[in-house]
């Protein structure tokens, strides 16, 4: 059987600017839904794909991250773009997978993906939850938040926690984990509606709209008069600089993302290194791959939290492979609320 496979690619490298929908192109190619005898390839019909801001660094001509981690390697214009996703097996030469198996792992921004050797994903048991949860709260976004908060930040009950981009796929979960653990949590976001969501549904102790604040150092001093013990950084730039100025001695900073610096727009700033030295601060970058060995335990814990309504799920789902460019571009405008996912096909 032959199908027409739609896929999204970049026309040229994206350097020094925010991505635009015009940077992307929707292409088509014929695809036979069969594998060669003796091949271990697996053909997957993609159901959901994850939309993540780190991909912009893969789209640049040169970025240091491209040489450090295989999943962050550079993208050649015109080629399909790999991403985390969920699919259903259509044909398999790998004995570990059978037709109609659900799988989660590395696929592409397209309708069908041929996975060479079938070694970039695993079988998925939905456990009664929506499939999209396994890209967000039960997937790599959830594990990123969990590993960064509990392993990097090493929280203690009663500590004061600040989360930037707190309505994003990772930030909203960090804040909820911190509240469950017994911390005082303040988050920031870019709209009044997001601020109200943080303080209402998600149970943050407080939140503010950073776009309405002219002096971030003074703002954080107002929300943390006794200082910050833990800062979970998804933004970098001026927010990191202001947070370091308000950290308590022996505070911990988990650097998860620096979306303010990904596009090369605006003034580059740096935290006061004297503060870092004399406050004896721990500042640590990390990647979700650092915690993959704990995935099973994480899923067990999180599924229990979901079943008992201790964690609220924020998802932002677009429809169709054609919507991938606008979904991705929207991340850099702050359009998304929670985990951004594109539903490629019906389950």
Protein backbone atom coordinates (compact mmCIF):
# COMPACT_ATOMS: atom_id res chain seq x y z
CA UNK A 1 0.00 0.00 0.00
CA UNK A 2 1.29 3.47 -0.88
CA UNK A 3 0.38 6.69 0.91
CA UNK A 4 1.25 10.35 0.47
CA UNK A 5 3.30 11.44 3.47
CA UNK A 6 3.17 15.11 4.46
CA UNK A 7 6.15 16.43 6.42
CA UNK A 8 7.42 19.77 7.72
CA UNK A 9 10.90 21.11 7.13
CA UNK A 10 12.80 24.40 7.31
CA UNK A 11 13.60 26.21 4.07
CA UNK A 12 16.88 27.70 5.35
CA UNK A 13 18.77 27.93 8.60
CA UNK A 14 17.21 30.28 11.18
CA UNK A 15 19.90 32.49 12.70
CA UNK A 16 19.59 35.56 14.92
CA UNK A 17 15.83 35.96 14.74
CA UNK A 18 12.59 34.51 16.02
CA UNK A 19 11.15 31.80 13.77
CA UNK A 20 8.37 32.75 11.37
CA UNK A 21 5.84 30.52 9.68
CA UNK A 22 7.40 31.51 6.36
CA UNK A 23 10.63 29.75 7.46
CA UNK A 24 8.88 26.40 7.10
CA UNK A 25 7.59 24.35 4.21
CA UNK A 26 5.06 21.52 4.00
CA UNK A 27 6.30 18.84 1.61
CA UNK A 28 4.92 15.53 0.41
CA UNK A 29 6.50 12.24 -0.62
CA UNK A 30 5.17 8.83 -1.61
CA UNK A 31 5.68 6.11 1.00
CA UNK A 32 5.13 2.35 0.78
CA UNK A 33 3.74 0.95 4.04
CA UNK A 34 5.94 -2.13 3.97
CA UNK A 35 9.46 -3.01 5.06
CA UNK A 36 12.08 -4.94 3.11
CA UNK A 37 12.56 -8.61 4.07
CA UNK A 38 15.35 -8.91 6.62
CA UNK A 39 15.09 -5.25 7.61
CA UNK A 40 14.45 -4.26 11.23
CA UNK A 41 12.88 -0.97 10.20
CA UNK A 42 9.53 0.05 11.64
CA UNK A 43 6.96 2.26 9.88
CA UNK A 44 4.83 4.33 12.22
CA UNK A 45 1.68 6.33 11.64
CA UNK A 46 2.23 9.41 13.77
CA UNK A 47 -0.59 10.40 16.12
CA UNK A 48 0.94 13.16 18.24
CA UNK A 49 4.19 15.13 18.01
CA UNK A 50 5.79 17.27 20.67
CA UNK A 51 6.56 20.94 19.97
CA UNK A 52 9.57 22.17 21.96
CA UNK A 53 11.56 25.42 21.87
CA UNK A 54 15.00 23.75 21.95
CA UNK A 55 14.43 22.77 18.31
CA UNK A 56 15.30 26.34 17.27
CA UNK A 57 18.93 25.62 18.19
CA UNK A 58 18.92 22.66 15.79
CA UNK A 59 17.69 24.96 13.02
CA UNK A 60 20.64 27.34 13.34
CA UNK A 61 23.62 27.08 11.04
CA UNK A 62 25.87 26.66 14.07
CA UNK A 63 25.05 26.14 17.76
CA UNK A 64 27.25 24.55 20.43
CA UNK A 65 24.41 22.25 21.53
CA UNK A 66 24.48 20.52 18.13
CA UNK A 67 27.84 18.91 18.95
CA UNK A 68 27.08 17.95 22.54
CA UNK A 69 23.96 15.76 22.39
CA UNK A 70 22.86 13.52 19.52
CA UNK A 71 19.17 14.46 19.81
CA UNK A 72 20.15 18.14 19.45
CA UNK A 73 22.10 17.66 16.22
CA UNK A 74 21.74 20.22 13.46
CA UNK A 75 18.91 20.08 10.94
CA UNK A 76 19.64 20.30 7.25
CA UNK A 77 17.11 22.49 5.41
CA UNK A 78 14.75 20.32 3.43
CA UNK A 79 15.04 17.26 5.65
CA UNK A 80 12.37 15.93 8.02
CA UNK A 81 12.65 17.21 11.59
CA UNK A 82 12.93 14.60 14.34
CA UNK A 83 10.95 15.10 17.54
CA UNK A 84 9.44 13.19 20.41
CA UNK A 85 6.06 11.74 19.54
CA UNK A 86 3.52 8.94 19.72
CA UNK A 87 2.49 6.66 16.89
CA UNK A 88 0.99 3.35 15.87
CA UNK A 89 3.03 0.68 14.10
CA UNK A 90 1.90 0.07 10.51
CA UNK A 91 4.62 -2.40 9.50
CA UNK A 92 7.61 -3.85 11.33
CA UNK A 93 10.70 -5.88 10.57
CA UNK A 94 11.74 -5.64 14.22
CA UNK A 95 10.48 -8.61 16.29
CA UNK A 96 9.98 -6.33 19.30
CA UNK A 97 7.16 -4.47 17.56
CA UNK A 98 3.99 -5.70 15.89
CA UNK A 99 1.41 -4.01 13.68
CA UNK A 100 -0.93 -1.75 15.69
CA UNK A 101 1.45 -1.42 18.67
CA UNK A 102 1.43 2.04 20.24
CA UNK A 103 4.93 3.50 20.57
CA UNK A 104 6.47 6.63 22.06
CA UNK A 105 9.86 8.08 21.25
CA UNK A 106 11.75 9.76 18.45
CA UNK A 107 9.74 10.17 15.24
CA UNK A 108 9.46 13.13 12.83
CA UNK A 109 7.24 16.15 12.20
CA UNK A 110 5.29 14.24 9.56
CA UNK A 111 2.37 11.87 9.06
CA UNK A 112 4.41 8.66 8.78
CA UNK A 113 7.95 7.92 9.92
CA UNK A 114 10.31 5.11 8.92
CA UNK A 115 12.40 4.36 12.01
CA UNK A 116 15.62 2.63 11.01
CA UNK A 117 16.10 -0.42 13.21
CA UNK A 118 13.13 0.59 15.35
CA UNK A 119 15.50 1.57 18.14
CA UNK A 120 14.44 5.13 18.97
CA UNK A 121 11.16 4.39 20.74
CA UNK A 122 9.45 1.96 23.09
CA UNK A 123 6.03 0.37 23.39
CA UNK A 124 3.47 2.55 25.12
CA UNK A 125 0.88 1.46 27.66
CA UNK A 126 -1.50 4.44 27.97
CA UNK A 127 -2.65 3.19 31.42
CA UNK A 128 -6.06 4.70 30.79
CA UNK A 129 -4.73 8.23 30.29
CA UNK A 130 -5.01 10.30 27.09
CA UNK A 131 -2.15 9.56 24.70
CA UNK A 132 -1.04 13.20 24.71
CA UNK A 133 -0.26 12.96 28.44
CA UNK A 134 2.66 10.69 27.52
CA UNK A 135 4.39 13.60 25.77
CA UNK A 136 3.70 16.03 28.61
CA UNK A 137 2.89 15.30 32.22
CA UNK A 138 3.78 11.57 31.91
CA UNK A 139 6.47 12.14 29.30
CA UNK A 140 9.74 14.00 28.88
CA UNK A 141 8.32 17.37 29.98
CA UNK A 142 7.13 15.85 33.24
CA UNK A 143 10.41 14.01 33.79
CA UNK A 144 12.36 17.21 33.07
CA UNK A 145 10.40 19.05 35.74
CA UNK A 146 10.66 16.18 38.20
CA UNK A 147 14.37 15.52 37.75
CA UNK A 148 15.29 19.20 37.71
CA UNK A 149 13.34 20.04 40.84
CA UNK A 150 14.04 17.02 43.01
CA UNK A 151 17.51 15.99 41.82
CA UNK A 152 19.10 19.35 40.98
CA UNK A 153 17.33 21.65 43.43
CA UNK A 154 17.13 19.19 46.37
CA UNK A 155 14.19 21.02 48.00
CA UNK A 156 13.41 21.21 51.69
CA UNK A 157 9.92 21.73 53.04
CA UNK A 158 9.09 25.38 53.57
CA UNK A 159 11.67 26.71 51.14
CA UNK A 160 10.83 29.59 48.84
CA UNK A 161 10.73 28.66 45.14
CA UNK A 162 10.60 30.89 42.07
CA UNK A 163 9.64 29.46 38.66
CA UNK A 164 9.97 31.41 35.40
CA UNK A 165 7.82 30.62 32.35
CA UNK A 166 5.53 29.04 34.91
CA UNK A 167 2.70 28.35 32.44
CA UNK A 168 4.99 26.42 30.12
CA UNK A 169 5.17 22.66 29.69
CA UNK A 170 7.83 22.26 32.40
CA UNK A 171 7.30 25.31 34.62
CA UNK A 172 3.69 24.57 35.50
CA UNK A 173 4.65 21.11 36.73
CA UNK A 174 7.64 22.35 38.74
CA UNK A 175 5.35 24.72 40.61
CA UNK A 176 2.85 21.98 41.30
CA UNK A 177 5.56 19.56 42.48
CA UNK A 178 6.91 22.27 44.79
CA UNK A 179 3.50 22.96 46.31
CA UNK A 180 2.89 19.25 46.87
CA UNK A 181 6.26 19.03 48.58
CA UNK A 182 5.41 21.88 50.96
CA UNK A 183 7.28 24.84 49.49
CA UNK A 184 6.20 28.47 49.02
CA UNK A 185 5.92 29.00 45.26
CA UNK A 186 5.82 32.11 43.09
CA UNK A 187 5.74 31.98 39.29
CA UNK A 188 5.90 34.47 36.46
CA UNK A 189 4.14 34.45 33.10
CA UNK A 190 3.41 36.83 30.24
CA UNK A 191 -0.34 37.50 30.45
CA UNK A 192 -2.94 38.36 33.09
CA UNK A 193 -4.86 35.19 32.21
CA UNK A 194 -1.81 33.00 32.81
CA UNK A 195 -1.12 34.71 36.14
CA UNK A 196 -4.68 34.02 37.27
CA UNK A 197 -4.33 30.39 36.17
CA UNK A 198 -1.20 29.98 38.26
CA UNK A 199 -2.77 31.44 41.37
CA UNK A 200 -6.12 29.71 40.82
CA UNK A 201 -6.21 26.27 39.26
CA UNK A 202 -2.53 25.43 39.83
CA UNK A 203 -2.38 26.67 43.42
CA UNK A 204 0.76 28.83 43.30
CA UNK A 205 1.08 31.08 46.35
CA UNK A 206 1.54 34.07 44.06
CA UNK A 207 2.40 35.02 40.49
CA UNK A 208 3.14 38.11 38.39
CA UNK A 209 3.20 39.28 34.78
CA UNK A 210 6.84 39.98 33.99
CA UNK A 211 5.84 42.19 31.05
CA UNK A 212 4.34 44.68 33.49
CA UNK A 213 7.50 44.94 35.60
CA UNK A 214 10.18 47.49 34.70
CA UNK A 215 12.68 46.40 37.37
CA UNK A 216 12.83 42.63 37.82
CA UNK A 217 15.25 42.80 40.76
CA UNK A 218 12.83 45.01 42.69
CA UNK A 219 9.89 42.84 41.65
CA UNK A 220 11.50 39.68 43.01
CA UNK A 221 12.45 41.51 46.19
CA UNK A 222 8.78 42.40 46.61
CA UNK A 223 7.58 38.82 46.14
CA UNK A 224 10.46 37.30 48.11
CA UNK A 225 11.28 39.76 50.94
CA UNK A 226 13.22 36.98 52.70
CA UNK A 227 15.02 35.84 49.57
CA UNK A 228 14.75 32.92 47.13
CA UNK A 229 16.00 29.44 48.05
CA UNK A 230 15.33 27.74 44.70
CA UNK A 231 15.06 29.22 41.24
CA UNK A 232 13.91 26.99 38.38
CA UNK A 233 15.06 28.82 35.27
CA UNK A 234 13.34 28.39 31.92
CA UNK A 235 14.20 31.85 30.60
CA UNK A 236 17.78 32.95 31.26
CA UNK A 237 18.81 36.54 30.51
CA UNK A 238 17.50 39.33 32.73
CA UNK A 239 15.33 36.95 34.75
CA UNK A 240 18.34 34.89 35.77
CA UNK A 241 20.30 38.05 36.58
CA UNK A 242 17.48 39.34 38.82
CA UNK A 243 17.01 35.97 40.51
CA UNK A 244 20.67 35.61 41.44
CA UNK A 245 20.52 39.07 43.02
CA UNK A 246 17.68 37.84 45.25
CA UNK A 247 18.96 34.35 46.08
CA UNK A 248 19.66 33.32 49.64
CA UNK A 249 23.05 31.87 50.62
CA UNK A 250 23.38 28.24 49.49
CA UNK A 251 20.48 28.66 47.09
CA UNK A 252 20.07 26.32 44.12
CA UNK A 253 19.37 27.27 40.51
CA UNK A 254 18.28 24.64 38.00
CA UNK A 255 18.93 25.92 34.48
CA UNK A 256 16.41 24.06 32.34
CA UNK A 257 16.07 26.44 29.40
CA UNK A 258 17.04 29.94 28.26
CA UNK A 259 14.33 30.76 25.76
CA UNK A 260 15.06 34.50 26.01
CA UNK A 261 18.49 33.83 24.47
CA UNK A 262 17.63 31.20 21.83
CA UNK A 263 16.78 33.70 19.11
CA UNK A 264 19.68 36.10 19.64
CA UNK A 265 17.30 39.04 20.00
CA UNK A 266 17.77 41.61 22.74
CA UNK A 267 20.47 42.44 25.22
CA UNK A 268 22.63 39.63 26.59
CA UNK A 269 23.01 39.91 30.35
CA UNK A 270 24.80 37.85 32.97
CA UNK A 271 24.32 37.26 36.69
CA UNK A 272 26.65 38.90 39.17
CA UNK A 273 29.38 36.30 39.69
CA UNK A 274 30.31 37.85 43.03
CA UNK A 275 26.83 36.95 44.26
CA UNK A 276 27.30 33.39 43.03
CA UNK A 277 30.65 33.07 44.81
CA UNK A 278 29.86 34.77 48.10
CA UNK A 279 26.35 33.34 48.42
CA UNK A 280 27.82 29.91 47.55
CA UNK A 281 25.09 29.32 45.01
CA UNK A 282 24.68 26.10 43.06
CA UNK A 283 23.91 26.80 39.40
CA UNK A 284 23.43 23.65 37.36
CA UNK A 285 22.31 23.02 33.81
CA UNK A 286 20.72 19.66 33.10
CA UNK A 287 18.99 17.62 30.40
CA UNK A 288 16.12 15.15 30.66
CA UNK A 289 18.42 12.38 29.38
CA UNK A 290 20.21 12.62 32.74
CA UNK A 291 17.14 11.06 34.39
CA UNK A 292 15.85 8.53 31.86
CA UNK A 293 16.85 5.62 34.10
CA UNK A 294 14.23 6.80 36.59
CA UNK A 295 11.43 6.99 34.00
CA UNK A 296 9.47 3.98 35.31
CA UNK A 297 9.50 5.23 38.90
CA UNK A 298 8.52 8.70 37.72
CA UNK A 299 5.57 7.39 35.71
CA UNK A 300 4.39 5.33 38.68
CA UNK A 301 4.50 8.38 40.98
CA UNK A 302 2.90 10.75 38.48
CA UNK A 303 0.11 8.39 37.44
CA UNK A 304 -0.84 8.12 41.11
CA UNK A 305 -0.86 11.92 41.43
CA UNK A 306 -3.06 12.19 38.35
CA UNK A 307 -5.46 9.51 39.55
CA UNK A 308 -5.89 11.33 42.86
CA UNK A 309 -6.16 14.79 41.24
CA UNK A 310 -3.05 16.08 42.97
CA UNK A 311 -1.62 17.34 39.66
CA UNK A 312 -3.55 19.38 37.09
CA UNK A 313 -2.76 18.91 33.40
CA UNK A 314 -2.19 21.87 31.10
CA UNK A 315 -2.21 20.98 27.41
CA UNK A 316 -2.37 23.09 24.28
CA UNK A 317 -3.22 20.88 21.30
CA UNK A 318 -3.29 21.92 17.64
CA UNK A 319 -4.72 19.78 14.85
CA UNK A 320 -2.97 18.42 11.76
CA UNK A 321 0.60 18.31 10.48
CA UNK A 322 -0.09 21.60 8.66
CA UNK A 323 -0.36 23.36 12.04
CA UNK A 324 3.17 22.43 13.18
CA UNK A 325 4.88 25.64 11.95
CA UNK A 326 2.35 27.95 13.65
CA UNK A 327 2.47 25.82 16.81
CA UNK A 328 6.26 26.08 16.94
CA UNK A 329 6.39 29.80 16.18
CA UNK A 330 3.79 30.41 18.88
CA UNK A 331 6.16 29.11 21.55
CA UNK A 332 8.35 32.18 21.04
CA UNK A 333 5.38 34.53 21.35
CA UNK A 334 4.21 32.86 24.54
CA UNK A 335 0.99 31.64 22.91
CA UNK A 336 0.94 28.21 24.51
CA UNK A 337 -0.57 27.38 27.88
CA UNK A 338 1.06 24.21 29.16
CA UNK A 339 2.45 21.46 26.96
CA UNK A 340 2.27 22.23 23.23
CA UNK A 341 1.35 19.19 21.16
CA UNK A 342 0.12 18.69 17.61
CA UNK A 343 -2.38 15.91 16.95
CA UNK A 344 -1.35 14.56 13.57
CA UNK A 345 -4.02 11.87 13.20
CA UNK A 346 -6.93 10.31 15.05
CA UNK A 347 -6.10 7.47 17.39
